[in-house]
Amino acid sequence: QVQLVESGGGLVQAGGSLRLSCAASGVISGILPMAWFRQAPGKERELVARIDRGGTTNYADSVKGRFTIVRDNAKAMVALQMTGLRPDDTAVYYCYANDYGASCWGQGTQVTVSS
């Protein structure tokens, strides 16, 4: 079982930047596809960005050009660099890993963007 722990959330003004990190631990077999999701109050959880085993990335249209997902395979970590933050980016952000068909989730980290 893979455990995921997020860090780096907080309160930031509109236009600001934050970097979220996710550390994976446990029994990790190779490089896992990983992603960041977010869930705002009253809304469904949505995909923000993902990175596959080969390093190919995909982004939600709402964050393209502002967010960047990167990974450090040696450290089993994935990060989400967020710039140009807007109030509608406010949400709990979750790290996700696909452990050969098993869905693994972190506990979430709150990101609040003030206007």
PDB file of N, CA and C in Angstrom:
ATOM      1  N   GLN A   1       0.848  -1.183   0.000  1.00  0.00           N
ATOM      2  CA  GLN A   1       0.000   0.000   0.000  1.00  0.00           C
ATOM      3  C   GLN A   1       0.895   1.248   0.000  1.00  0.00           C
ATOM      4  N   VAL A   2       0.533   2.180  -0.850  1.00  0.00           N
ATOM      5  CA  VAL A   2       1.278   3.429  -0.955  1.00  0.00           C
ATOM      6  C   VAL A   2       0.600   4.482  -0.094  1.00  0.00           C
ATOM      7  N   GLN A   3       1.374   5.177   0.700  1.00  0.00           N
ATOM      8  CA  GLN A   3       0.859   6.305   1.488  1.00  0.00           C
ATOM      9  C   GLN A   3       1.342   7.606   0.865  1.00  0.00           C
ATOM     10  N   LEU A   4       0.450   8.586   0.842  1.00  0.00           N
ATOM     11  CA  LEU A   4       0.748   9.885   0.260  1.00  0.00           C
ATOM     12  C   LEU A   4       0.524  10.965   1.310  1.00  0.00           C
ATOM     13  N   VAL A   5       1.474  11.878   1.432  1.00  0.00           N
ATOM     14  CA  VAL A   5       1.353  12.978   2.378  1.00  0.00           C
ATOM     15  C   VAL A   5       1.625  14.284   1.641  1.00  0.00           C
ATOM     16  N   GLU A   6       0.633  15.177   1.654  1.00  0.00           N
ATOM     17  CA  GLU A   6       0.769  16.475   1.001  1.00  0.00           C
ATOM     18  C   GLU A   6       1.256  17.522   1.988  1.00  0.00           C
ATOM     19  N   SER A   7       1.865  18.556   1.436  1.00  0.00           N
ATOM     20  CA  SER A   7       2.267  19.720   2.234  1.00  0.00           C
ATOM     21  C   SER A   7       2.329  20.929   1.317  1.00  0.00           C
ATOM     22  N   GLY A   8       2.337  22.120   1.932  1.00  0.00           N
ATOM     23  CA  GLY A   8       2.545  23.325   1.163  1.00  0.00           C
ATOM     24  C   GLY A   8       1.323  24.191   0.947  1.00  0.00           C
ATOM     25  N   GLY A   9       0.175  23.766   1.421  1.00  0.00           N
ATOM     26  CA  GLY A   9      -1.005  24.599   1.261  1.00  0.00           C
ATOM     27  C   GLY A   9      -0.950  25.818   2.153  1.00  0.00           C
ATOM     28  N   GLY A  10      -1.932  26.704   1.994  1.00  0.00           N
ATOM     29  CA  GLY A  10      -1.980  27.897   2.832  1.00  0.00           C
ATOM     30  C   GLY A  10      -2.848  28.966   2.233  1.00  0.00           C
ATOM     31  N   LEU A  11      -2.693  30.167   2.773  1.00  0.00           N
ATOM     32  CA  LEU A  11      -3.465  31.327   2.345  1.00  0.00           C
ATOM     33  C   LEU A  11      -2.562  32.238   1.516  1.00  0.00           C
ATOM     34  N   VAL A  12      -3.053  32.651   0.372  1.00  0.00           N
ATOM     35  CA  VAL A  12      -2.275  33.514  -0.510  1.00  0.00           C
ATOM     36  C   VAL A  12      -3.209  34.512  -1.174  1.00  0.00           C
ATOM     37  N   GLN A  13      -2.683  35.671  -1.518  1.00  0.00           N
ATOM     38  CA  GLN A  13      -3.487  36.661  -2.225  1.00  0.00           C
ATOM     39  C   GLN A  13      -3.577  36.318  -3.706  1.00  0.00           C
ATOM     40  N   ALA A  14      -4.620  36.797  -4.325  1.00  0.00           N
ATOM     41  CA  ALA A  14      -4.790  36.591  -5.760  1.00  0.00           C
ATOM     42  C   ALA A  14      -3.550  37.086  -6.507  1.00  0.00           C
ATOM     43  N   GLY A  15      -3.117  36.287  -7.482  1.00  0.00           N
ATOM     44  CA  GLY A  15      -1.906  36.604  -8.222  1.00  0.00           C
ATOM     45  C   GLY A  15      -0.656  35.988  -7.649  1.00  0.00           C
ATOM     46  N   GLY A  16      -0.757  35.448  -6.461  1.00  0.00           N
ATOM     47  CA  GLY A  16       0.385  34.863  -5.788  1.00  0.00           C
ATOM     48  C   GLY A  16       0.687  33.447  -6.242  1.00  0.00           C
ATOM     49  N   SER A  17       1.668  32.841  -5.582  1.00  0.00           N
ATOM     50  CA  SER A  17       2.133  31.503  -5.947  1.00  0.00           C
ATOM     51  C   SER A  17       2.220  30.614  -4.718  1.00  0.00           C
ATOM     52  N   LEU A  18       2.051  29.326  -4.952  1.00  0.00           N
ATOM     53  CA  LEU A  18       2.243  28.307  -3.922  1.00  0.00           C
ATOM     54  C   LEU A  18       2.820  27.069  -4.588  1.00  0.00           C
ATOM     55  N   ARG A  19       3.543  26.305  -3.802  1.00  0.00           N
ATOM     56  CA  ARG A  19       4.054  25.026  -4.283  1.00  0.00           C
ATOM     57  C   ARG A  19       3.582  23.936  -3.339  1.00  0.00           C
ATOM     58  N   LEU A  20       2.832  22.977  -3.895  1.00  0.00           N
ATOM     59  CA  LEU A  20       2.383  21.826  -3.124  1.00  0.00           C
ATOM     60  C   LEU A  20       3.320  20.661  -3.385  1.00  0.00           C
ATOM     61  N   SER A  21       3.593  19.901  -2.336  1.00  0.00           N
ATOM     62  CA  SER A  21       4.431  18.719  -2.474  1.00  0.00           C
ATOM     63  C   SER A  21       3.689  17.496  -1.983  1.00  0.00           C
ATOM     64  N   CYS A  22       4.014  16.357  -2.551  1.00  0.00           N
ATOM     65  CA  CYS A  22       3.405  15.086  -2.152  1.00  0.00           C
ATOM     66  C   CYS A  22       4.511  14.046  -2.079  1.00  0.00           C
ATOM     67  N   ALA A  23       4.678  13.484  -0.905  1.00  0.00           N
ATOM     68  CA  ALA A  23       5.692  12.457  -0.700  1.00  0.00           C
ATOM     69  C   ALA A  23       5.024  11.096  -0.626  1.00  0.00           C
ATOM     70  N   ALA A  24       5.511  10.170  -1.406  1.00  0.00           N
ATOM     71  CA  ALA A  24       4.976   8.808  -1.418  1.00  0.00           C
ATOM     72  C   ALA A  24       5.880   7.899  -0.597  1.00  0.00           C
ATOM     73  N   SER A  25       5.270   7.008   0.154  1.00  0.00           N
ATOM     74  CA  SER A  25       6.031   6.043   0.938  1.00  0.00           C
ATOM     75  C   SER A  25       5.287   4.712   0.946  1.00  0.00           C
ATOM     76  N   GLY A  26       5.951   3.703   1.484  1.00  0.00           N
ATOM     77  CA  GLY A  26       5.358   2.378   1.506  1.00  0.00           C
ATOM     78  C   GLY A  26       5.990   1.503   0.437  1.00  0.00           C
ATOM     79  N   VAL A  27       5.232   0.516   0.013  1.00  0.00           N
ATOM     80  CA  VAL A  27       5.738  -0.402  -1.001  1.00  0.00           C
ATOM     81  C   VAL A  27       5.445   0.190  -2.372  1.00  0.00           C
ATOM     82  N   ILE A  28       6.468   0.731  -3.008  1.00  0.00           N
ATOM     83  CA  ILE A  28       6.301   1.384  -4.296  1.00  0.00           C
ATOM     84  C   ILE A  28       7.030   0.572  -5.356  1.00  0.00           C
ATOM     85  N   SER A  29       6.269   0.072  -6.315  1.00  0.00           N
ATOM     86  CA  SER A  29       6.845  -0.744  -7.370  1.00  0.00           C
ATOM     87  C   SER A  29       7.017   0.087  -8.629  1.00  0.00           C
ATOM     88  N   GLY A  30       8.201   0.627  -8.813  1.00  0.00           N
ATOM     89  CA  GLY A  30       8.462   1.400 -10.011  1.00  0.00           C
ATOM     90  C   GLY A  30       7.904   2.809  -9.918  1.00  0.00           C
ATOM     91  N   ILE A  31       7.732   3.406 -11.073  1.00  0.00           N
ATOM     92  CA  ILE A  31       7.239   4.788 -11.165  1.00  0.00           C
ATOM     93  C   ILE A  31       5.729   4.746 -11.367  1.00  0.00           C
ATOM     94  N   LEU A  32       5.006   5.429 -10.499  1.00  0.00           N
ATOM     95  CA  LEU A  32       3.546   5.395 -10.553  1.00  0.00           C
ATOM     96  C   LEU A  32       2.993   6.622 -11.257  1.00  0.00           C
ATOM     97  N   PRO A  33       1.932   6.453 -12.019  1.00  0.00           N
ATOM     98  CA  PRO A  33       1.213   7.644 -12.499  1.00  0.00           C
ATOM     99  C   PRO A  33       0.650   8.386 -11.293  1.00  0.00           C
ATOM    100  N   MET A  34       0.830   9.699 -11.279  1.00  0.00           N
ATOM    101  CA  MET A  34       0.367  10.492 -10.154  1.00  0.00           C
ATOM    102  C   MET A  34      -0.373  11.721 -10.653  1.00  0.00           C
ATOM    103  N   ALA A  35      -1.125  12.320  -9.757  1.00  0.00           N
ATOM    104  CA  ALA A  35      -1.947  13.461 -10.160  1.00  0.00           C
ATOM    105  C   ALA A  35      -2.283  14.310  -8.949  1.00  0.00           C
ATOM    106  N   TRP A  36      -2.777  15.492  -9.236  1.00  0.00           N
ATOM    107  CA  TRP A  36      -3.366  16.375  -8.236  1.00  0.00           C
ATOM    108  C   TRP A  36      -4.821  16.602  -8.598  1.00  0.00           C
ATOM    109  N   PHE A  37      -5.677  16.448  -7.616  1.00  0.00           N
ATOM    110  CA  PHE A  37      -7.094  16.776  -7.729  1.00  0.00           C
ATOM    111  C   PHE A  37      -7.404  17.894  -6.737  1.00  0.00           C
ATOM    112  N   ARG A  38      -8.550  18.510  -6.907  1.00  0.00           N
ATOM    113  CA  ARG A  38      -9.002  19.488  -5.933  1.00  0.00           C
ATOM    114  C   ARG A  38     -10.511  19.414  -5.790  1.00  0.00           C
ATOM    115  N   GLN A  39     -10.957  19.841  -4.619  1.00  0.00           N
ATOM    116  CA  GLN A  39     -12.395  19.872  -4.347  1.00  0.00           C
ATOM    117  C   GLN A  39     -12.731  21.145  -3.600  1.00  0.00           C
ATOM    118  N   ALA A  40     -13.553  21.959  -4.238  1.00  0.00           N
ATOM    119  CA  ALA A  40     -14.021  23.194  -3.627  1.00  0.00           C
ATOM    120  C   ALA A  40     -15.326  22.925  -2.883  1.00  0.00           C
ATOM    121  N   PRO A  41     -15.678  23.753  -1.915  1.00  0.00           N
ATOM    122  CA  PRO A  41     -16.919  23.542  -1.168  1.00  0.00           C
ATOM    123  C   PRO A  41     -18.131  23.458  -2.084  1.00  0.00           C
ATOM    124  N   GLY A  42     -18.922  22.418  -1.912  1.00  0.00           N
ATOM    125  CA  GLY A  42     -20.135  22.261  -2.698  1.00  0.00           C
ATOM    126  C   GLY A  42     -19.918  21.764  -4.111  1.00  0.00           C
ATOM    127  N   LYS A  43     -18.673  21.438  -4.452  1.00  0.00           N
ATOM    128  CA  LYS A  43     -18.378  20.983  -5.807  1.00  0.00           C
ATOM    129  C   LYS A  43     -17.760  19.595  -5.784  1.00  0.00           C
ATOM    130  N   GLU A  44     -17.782  18.936  -6.922  1.00  0.00           N
ATOM    131  CA  GLU A  44     -17.184  17.622  -7.029  1.00  0.00           C
ATOM    132  C   GLU A  44     -15.657  17.728  -7.145  1.00  0.00           C
ATOM    133  N   ARG A  45     -14.984  16.657  -6.762  1.00  0.00           N
ATOM    134  CA  ARG A  45     -13.541  16.612  -6.900  1.00  0.00           C
ATOM    135  C   ARG A  45     -13.195  16.592  -8.396  1.00  0.00           C
ATOM    136  N   GLU A  46     -12.199  17.394  -8.765  1.00  0.00           N
ATOM    137  CA  GLU A  46     -11.832  17.487 -10.175  1.00  0.00           C
ATOM    138  C   GLU A  46     -10.332  17.315 -10.359  1.00  0.00           C
ATOM    139  N   LEU A  47      -9.968  16.786 -11.525  1.00  0.00           N
ATOM    140  CA  LEU A  47      -8.562  16.616 -11.864  1.00  0.00           C
ATOM    141  C   LEU A  47      -7.945  17.973 -12.181  1.00  0.00           C
ATOM    142  N   VAL A  48      -6.784  18.232 -11.598  1.00  0.00           N
ATOM    143  CA  VAL A  48      -6.061  19.478 -11.868  1.00  0.00           C
ATOM    144  C   VAL A  48      -4.915  19.219 -12.836  1.00  0.00           C
ATOM    145  N   ALA A  49      -4.096  18.212 -12.524  1.00  0.00           N
ATOM    146  CA  ALA A  49      -2.941  17.902 -13.351  1.00  0.00           C
ATOM    147  C   ALA A  49      -2.525  16.466 -13.087  1.00  0.00           C
ATOM    148  N   ARG A  50      -1.927  15.840 -14.087  1.00  0.00           N
ATOM    149  CA  ARG A  50      -1.451  14.475 -13.914  1.00  0.00           C
ATOM    150  C   ARG A  50      -0.156  14.287 -14.682  1.00  0.00           C
ATOM    151  N   ILE A  51       0.595  13.285 -14.240  1.00  0.00           N
ATOM    152  CA  ILE A  51       1.860  12.965 -14.891  1.00  0.00           C
ATOM    153  C   ILE A  51       1.961  11.448 -14.947  1.00  0.00           C
ATOM    154  N   ASP A  52       2.270  10.918 -16.131  1.00  0.00           N
ATOM    155  CA  ASP A  52       2.311   9.468 -16.271  1.00  0.00           C
ATOM    156  C   ASP A  52       3.714   8.952 -16.030  1.00  0.00           C
ATOM    157  N   ARG A  53       3.901   7.647 -16.207  1.00  0.00           N
ATOM    158  CA  ARG A  53       5.197   7.033 -15.906  1.00  0.00           C
ATOM    159  C   ARG A  53       6.323   7.628 -16.756  1.00  0.00           C
ATOM    160  N   GLY A  54       5.975   8.016 -17.975  1.00  0.00           N
ATOM    161  CA  GLY A  54       6.989   8.541 -18.870  1.00  0.00           C
ATOM    162  C   GLY A  54       7.244  10.021 -18.720  1.00  0.00           C
ATOM    163  N   GLY A  55       6.465  10.675 -17.850  1.00  0.00           N
ATOM    164  CA  GLY A  55       6.644  12.105 -17.633  1.00  0.00           C
ATOM    165  C   GLY A  55       5.709  12.987 -18.440  1.00  0.00           C
ATOM    166  N   THR A  56       4.816  12.371 -19.221  1.00  0.00           N
ATOM    167  CA  THR A  56       3.845  13.173 -19.968  1.00  0.00           C
ATOM    168  C   THR A  56       2.836  13.779 -19.004  1.00  0.00           C
ATOM    169  N   THR A  57       2.542  15.057 -19.210  1.00  0.00           N
ATOM    170  CA  THR A  57       1.646  15.769 -18.307  1.00  0.00           C
ATOM    171  C   THR A  57       0.371  16.210 -19.023  1.00  0.00           C
ATOM    172  N   ASN A  58      -0.687  16.342 -18.241  1.00  0.00           N
ATOM    173  CA  ASN A  58      -1.955  16.871 -18.723  1.00  0.00           C
ATOM    174  C   ASN A  58      -2.518  17.800 -17.658  1.00  0.00           C
ATOM    175  N   TYR A  59      -3.232  18.825 -18.107  1.00  0.00           N
ATOM    176  CA  TYR A  59      -3.769  19.824 -17.190  1.00  0.00           C
ATOM    177  C   TYR A  59      -5.224  20.128 -17.487  1.00  0.00           C
ATOM    178  N   ALA A  60      -5.957  20.475 -16.450  1.00  0.00           N
ATOM    179  CA  ALA A  60      -7.293  21.006 -16.650  1.00  0.00           C
ATOM    180  C   ALA A  60      -7.172  22.334 -17.384  1.00  0.00           C
ATOM    181  N   ASP A  61      -8.138  22.627 -18.224  1.00  0.00           N
ATOM    182  CA  ASP A  61      -8.090  23.867 -18.996  1.00  0.00           C
ATOM    183  C   ASP A  61      -7.981  25.088 -18.088  1.00  0.00           C
ATOM    184  N   SER A  62      -8.600  25.012 -16.936  1.00  0.00           N
ATOM    185  CA  SER A  62      -8.643  26.170 -16.043  1.00  0.00           C
ATOM    186  C   SER A  62      -7.284  26.515 -15.435  1.00  0.00           C
ATOM    187  N   VAL A  63      -6.332  25.599 -15.493  1.00  0.00           N
ATOM    188  CA  VAL A  63      -5.031  25.856 -14.869  1.00  0.00           C
ATOM    189  C   VAL A  63      -3.887  25.858 -15.870  1.00  0.00           C
ATOM    190  N   LYS A  64      -4.165  25.578 -17.132  1.00  0.00           N
ATOM    191  CA  LYS A  64      -3.111  25.555 -18.141  1.00  0.00           C
ATOM    192  C   LYS A  64      -2.393  26.898 -18.194  1.00  0.00           C
ATOM    193  N   GLY A  65      -1.068  26.815 -18.233  1.00  0.00           N
ATOM    194  CA  GLY A  65      -0.269  28.032 -18.283  1.00  0.00           C
ATOM    195  C   GLY A  65       0.007  28.643 -16.927  1.00  0.00           C
ATOM    196  N   ARG A  66      -0.670  28.155 -15.889  1.00  0.00           N
ATOM    197  CA  ARG A  66      -0.471  28.697 -14.538  1.00  0.00           C
ATOM    198  C   ARG A  66       0.118  27.661 -13.582  1.00  0.00           C
ATOM    199  N   PHE A  67      -0.254  26.409 -13.752  1.00  0.00           N
ATOM    200  CA  PHE A  67       0.197  25.342 -12.859  1.00  0.00           C
ATOM    201  C   PHE A  67       1.148  24.416 -13.607  1.00  0.00           C
ATOM    202  N   THR A  68       2.099  23.859 -12.870  1.00  0.00           N
ATOM    203  CA  THR A  68       3.044  22.900 -13.446  1.00  0.00           C
ATOM    204  C   THR A  68       3.209  21.735 -12.478  1.00  0.00           C
ATOM    205  N   ILE A  69       3.049  20.524 -12.999  1.00  0.00           N
ATOM    206  CA  ILE A  69       3.272  19.332 -12.192  1.00  0.00           C
ATOM    207  C   ILE A  69       4.642  18.762 -12.539  1.00  0.00           C
ATOM    208  N   VAL A  70       5.417  18.456 -11.503  1.00  0.00           N
ATOM    209  CA  VAL A  70       6.749  17.891 -11.696  1.00  0.00           C
ATOM    210  C   VAL A  70       6.927  16.735 -10.724  1.00  0.00           C
ATOM    211  N   ARG A  71       7.848  15.846 -11.055  1.00  0.00           N
ATOM    212  CA  ARG A  71       8.087  14.727 -10.163  1.00  0.00           C
ATOM    213  C   ARG A  71       9.578  14.502  -9.993  1.00  0.00           C
ATOM    214  N   ASP A  72       9.924  13.958  -8.858  1.00  0.00           N
ATOM    215  CA  ASP A  72      11.290  13.555  -8.553  1.00  0.00           C
ATOM    216  C   ASP A  72      11.226  12.051  -8.288  1.00  0.00           C
ATOM    217  N   ASN A  73      11.575  11.267  -9.278  1.00  0.00           N
ATOM    218  CA  ASN A  73      11.428   9.815  -9.144  1.00  0.00           C
ATOM    219  C   ASN A  73      12.331   9.245  -8.047  1.00  0.00           C
ATOM    220  N   ALA A  74      13.508   9.825  -7.916  1.00  0.00           N
ATOM    221  CA  ALA A  74      14.443   9.324  -6.916  1.00  0.00           C
ATOM    222  C   ALA A  74      13.899   9.508  -5.503  1.00  0.00           C
ATOM    223  N   LYS A  75      13.137  10.576  -5.311  1.00  0.00           N
ATOM    224  CA  LYS A  75      12.591  10.866  -3.984  1.00  0.00           C
ATOM    225  C   LYS A  75      11.134  10.439  -3.861  1.00  0.00           C
ATOM    226  N   ALA A  76      10.580   9.823  -4.901  1.00  0.00           N
ATOM    227  CA  ALA A  76       9.170   9.422  -4.889  1.00  0.00           C
ATOM    228  C   ALA A  76       8.277  10.581  -4.489  1.00  0.00           C
ATOM    229  N   MET A  77       8.492  11.727  -5.114  1.00  0.00           N
ATOM    230  CA  MET A  77       7.719  12.919  -4.804  1.00  0.00           C
ATOM    231  C   MET A  77       7.155  13.526  -6.083  1.00  0.00           C
ATOM    232  N   VAL A  78       6.034  14.184  -5.923  1.00  0.00           N
ATOM    233  CA  VAL A  78       5.458  14.960  -7.003  1.00  0.00           C
ATOM    234  C   VAL A  78       5.059  16.313  -6.429  1.00  0.00           C
ATOM    235  N   ALA A  79       5.223  17.343  -7.221  1.00  0.00           N
ATOM    236  CA  ALA A  79       4.905  18.687  -6.751  1.00  0.00           C
ATOM    237  C   ALA A  79       3.990  19.383  -7.750  1.00  0.00           C
ATOM    238  N   LEU A  80       3.271  20.362  -7.251  1.00  0.00           N
ATOM    239  CA  LEU A  80       2.415  21.194  -8.096  1.00  0.00           C
ATOM    240  C   LEU A  80       2.803  22.642  -7.850  1.00  0.00           C
ATOM    241  N   GLN A  81       3.427  23.253  -8.830  1.00  0.00           N
ATOM    242  CA  GLN A  81       3.799  24.656  -8.751  1.00  0.00           C
ATOM    243  C   GLN A  81       2.630  25.471  -9.289  1.00  0.00           C
ATOM    244  N   MET A  82       2.087  26.343  -8.458  1.00  0.00           N
ATOM    245  CA  MET A  82       0.903  27.117  -8.834  1.00  0.00           C
ATOM    246  C   MET A  82       1.261  28.594  -8.852  1.00  0.00           C
ATOM    247  N   THR A  83       1.024  29.230  -9.973  1.00  0.00           N
ATOM    248  CA  THR A  83       1.262  30.664 -10.103  1.00  0.00           C
ATOM    249  C   THR A  83      -0.009  31.339 -10.598  1.00  0.00           C
ATOM    250  N   GLY A  84      -0.052  32.642 -10.493  1.00  0.00           N
ATOM    251  CA  GLY A  84      -1.228  33.385 -10.937  1.00  0.00           C
ATOM    252  C   GLY A  84      -2.501  32.898 -10.284  1.00  0.00           C
ATOM    253  N   LEU A  85      -2.429  32.614  -8.992  1.00  0.00           N
ATOM    254  CA  LEU A  85      -3.575  32.042  -8.301  1.00  0.00           C
ATOM    255  C   LEU A  85      -4.762  32.992  -8.278  1.00  0.00           C
ATOM    256  N   ARG A  86      -5.939  32.402  -8.386  1.00  0.00           N
ATOM    257  CA  ARG A  86      -7.194  33.152  -8.417  1.00  0.00           C
ATOM    258  C   ARG A  86      -8.099  32.659  -7.298  1.00  0.00           C
ATOM    259  N   PRO A  87      -9.060  33.460  -6.877  1.00  0.00           N
ATOM    260  CA  PRO A  87      -9.979  33.011  -5.818  1.00  0.00           C
ATOM    261  C   PRO A  87     -10.679  31.698  -6.150  1.00  0.00           C
ATOM    262  N   ASP A  88     -10.958  31.449  -7.427  1.00  0.00           N
ATOM    263  CA  ASP A  88     -11.639  30.201  -7.768  1.00  0.00           C
ATOM    264  C   ASP A  88     -10.710  28.995  -7.755  1.00  0.00           C
ATOM    265  N   ASP A  89      -9.449  29.188  -7.415  1.00  0.00           N
ATOM    266  CA  ASP A  89      -8.539  28.063  -7.175  1.00  0.00           C
ATOM    267  C   ASP A  89      -8.644  27.570  -5.738  1.00  0.00           C
ATOM    268  N   THR A  90      -9.397  28.271  -4.915  1.00  0.00           N
ATOM    269  CA  THR A  90      -9.567  27.871  -3.518  1.00  0.00           C
ATOM    270  C   THR A  90     -10.221  26.506  -3.437  1.00  0.00           C
ATOM    271  N   ALA A  91      -9.573  25.590  -2.738  1.00  0.00           N
ATOM    272  CA  ALA A  91     -10.061  24.215  -2.636  1.00  0.00           C
ATOM    273  C   ALA A  91      -9.130  23.412  -1.733  1.00  0.00           C
ATOM    274  N   VAL A  92      -9.560  22.205  -1.420  1.00  0.00           N
ATOM    275  CA  VAL A  92      -8.654  21.237  -0.814  1.00  0.00           C
ATOM    276  C   VAL A  92      -8.007  20.469  -1.961  1.00  0.00           C
ATOM    277  N   TYR A  93      -6.696  20.428  -1.956  1.00  0.00           N
ATOM    278  CA  TYR A  93      -5.946  19.769  -3.016  1.00  0.00           C
ATOM    279  C   TYR A  93      -5.471  18.396  -2.524  1.00  0.00           C
ATOM    280  N   TYR A  94      -5.706  17.384  -3.361  1.00  0.00           N
ATOM    281  CA  TYR A  94      -5.377  16.009  -3.000  1.00  0.00           C
ATOM    282  C   TYR A  94      -4.351  15.437  -3.968  1.00  0.00           C
ATOM    283  N   CYS A  95      -3.392  14.744  -3.431  1.00  0.00           N
ATOM    284  CA  CYS A  95      -2.439  13.993  -4.227  1.00  0.00           C
ATOM    285  C   CYS A  95      -3.021  12.602  -4.493  1.00  0.00           C
ATOM    286  N   TYR A  96      -2.783  12.103  -5.672  1.00  0.00           N
ATOM    287  CA  TYR A  96      -3.326  10.812  -6.082  1.00  0.00           C
ATOM    288  C   TYR A  96      -2.226  10.003  -6.775  1.00  0.00           C
ATOM    289  N   ALA A  97      -2.244   8.691  -6.524  1.00  0.00           N
ATOM    290  CA  ALA A  97      -1.350   7.787  -7.226  1.00  0.00           C
ATOM    291  C   ALA A  97      -2.116   6.538  -7.637  1.00  0.00           C
ATOM    292  N   ASN A  98      -1.803   6.048  -8.806  1.00  0.00           N
ATOM    293  CA  ASN A  98      -2.402   4.812  -9.305  1.00  0.00           C
ATOM    294  C   ASN A  98      -1.382   3.700  -9.123  1.00  0.00           C
ATOM    295  N   ASP A  99      -1.603   2.899  -8.082  1.00  0.00           N
ATOM    296  CA  ASP A  99      -0.672   1.830  -7.747  1.00  0.00           C
ATOM    297  C   ASP A  99      -1.120   0.554  -8.445  1.00  0.00           C
ATOM    298  N   TYR A 100      -0.879   0.495  -9.737  1.00  0.00           N
ATOM    299  CA  TYR A 100      -1.238  -0.662 -10.555  1.00  0.00           C
ATOM    300  C   TYR A 100      -2.702  -1.057 -10.350  1.00  0.00           C
ATOM    301  N   GLY A 101      -3.554  -0.072 -10.495  1.00  0.00           N
ATOM    302  CA  GLY A 101      -4.991  -0.281 -10.411  1.00  0.00           C
ATOM    303  C   GLY A 101      -5.607   0.101  -9.086  1.00  0.00           C
ATOM    304  N   ALA A 102      -4.797   0.240  -8.075  1.00  0.00           N
ATOM    305  CA  ALA A 102      -5.301   0.650  -6.764  1.00  0.00           C
ATOM    306  C   ALA A 102      -5.171   2.163  -6.624  1.00  0.00           C
ATOM    307  N   SER A 103      -6.273   2.815  -6.270  1.00  0.00           N
ATOM    308  CA  SER A 103      -6.270   4.267  -6.105  1.00  0.00           C
ATOM    309  C   SER A 103      -5.777   4.631  -4.720  1.00  0.00           C
ATOM    310  N   CYS A 104      -4.781   5.514  -4.667  1.00  0.00           N
ATOM    311  CA  CYS A 104      -4.214   5.962  -3.395  1.00  0.00           C
ATOM    312  C   CYS A 104      -4.379   7.465  -3.300  1.00  0.00           C
ATOM    313  N   TRP A 105      -4.850   7.944  -2.150  1.00  0.00           N
ATOM    314  CA  TRP A 105      -5.124   9.365  -1.948  1.00  0.00           C
ATOM    315  C   TRP A 105      -4.396   9.873  -0.705  1.00  0.00           C
ATOM    316  N   GLY A 106      -3.951  11.119  -0.802  1.00  0.00           N
ATOM    317  CA  GLY A 106      -3.441  11.788   0.377  1.00  0.00           C
ATOM    318  C   GLY A 106      -4.593  12.354   1.187  1.00  0.00           C
ATOM    319  N   GLN A 107      -4.259  12.980   2.301  1.00  0.00           N
ATOM    320  CA  GLN A 107      -5.293  13.500   3.204  1.00  0.00           C
ATOM    321  C   GLN A 107      -5.802  14.870   2.763  1.00  0.00           C
ATOM    322  N   GLY A 108      -5.111  15.504   1.856  1.00  0.00           N
ATOM    323  CA  GLY A 108      -5.536  16.803   1.347  1.00  0.00           C
ATOM    324  C   GLY A 108      -4.856  17.953   2.057  1.00  0.00           C
ATOM    325  N   THR A 109      -4.683  19.046   1.328  1.00  0.00           N
ATOM    326  CA  THR A 109      -4.124  20.264   1.897  1.00  0.00           C
ATOM    327  C   THR A 109      -4.936  21.453   1.383  1.00  0.00           C
ATOM    328  N   GLN A 110      -5.270  22.362   2.288  1.00  0.00           N
ATOM    329  CA  GLN A 110      -6.143  23.476   1.940  1.00  0.00           C
ATOM    330  C   GLN A 110      -5.350  24.590   1.257  1.00  0.00           C
ATOM    331  N   VAL A 111      -5.890  25.070   0.155  1.00  0.00           N
ATOM    332  CA  VAL A 111      -5.364  26.252  -0.525  1.00  0.00           C
ATOM    333  C   VAL A 111      -6.485  27.285  -0.562  1.00  0.00           C
ATOM    334  N   THR A 112      -6.206  28.462  -0.013  1.00  0.00           N
ATOM    335  CA  THR A 112      -7.186  29.536   0.009  1.00  0.00           C
ATOM    336  C   THR A 112      -6.582  30.762  -0.657  1.00  0.00           C
ATOM    337  N   VAL A 113      -7.273  31.276  -1.661  1.00  0.00           N
ATOM    338  CA  VAL A 113      -6.805  32.448  -2.394  1.00  0.00           C
ATOM    339  C   VAL A 113      -7.764  33.596  -2.124  1.00  0.00           C
ATOM    340  N   SER A 114      -7.236  34.655  -1.536  1.00  0.00           N
ATOM    341  CA  SER A 114      -8.070  35.808  -1.199  1.00  0.00           C
ATOM    342  C   SER A 114      -8.033  36.837  -2.333  1.00  0.00           C
ATOM    343  N   SER A 115      -9.132  37.546  -2.486  1.00  0.00           N
ATOM    344  CA  SER A 115      -9.216  38.541  -3.570  1.00  0.00           C
ATOM    345  C   SER A 115      -8.765  39.903  -3.105  1.00  0.00           C
TER     346      SER A 115
END
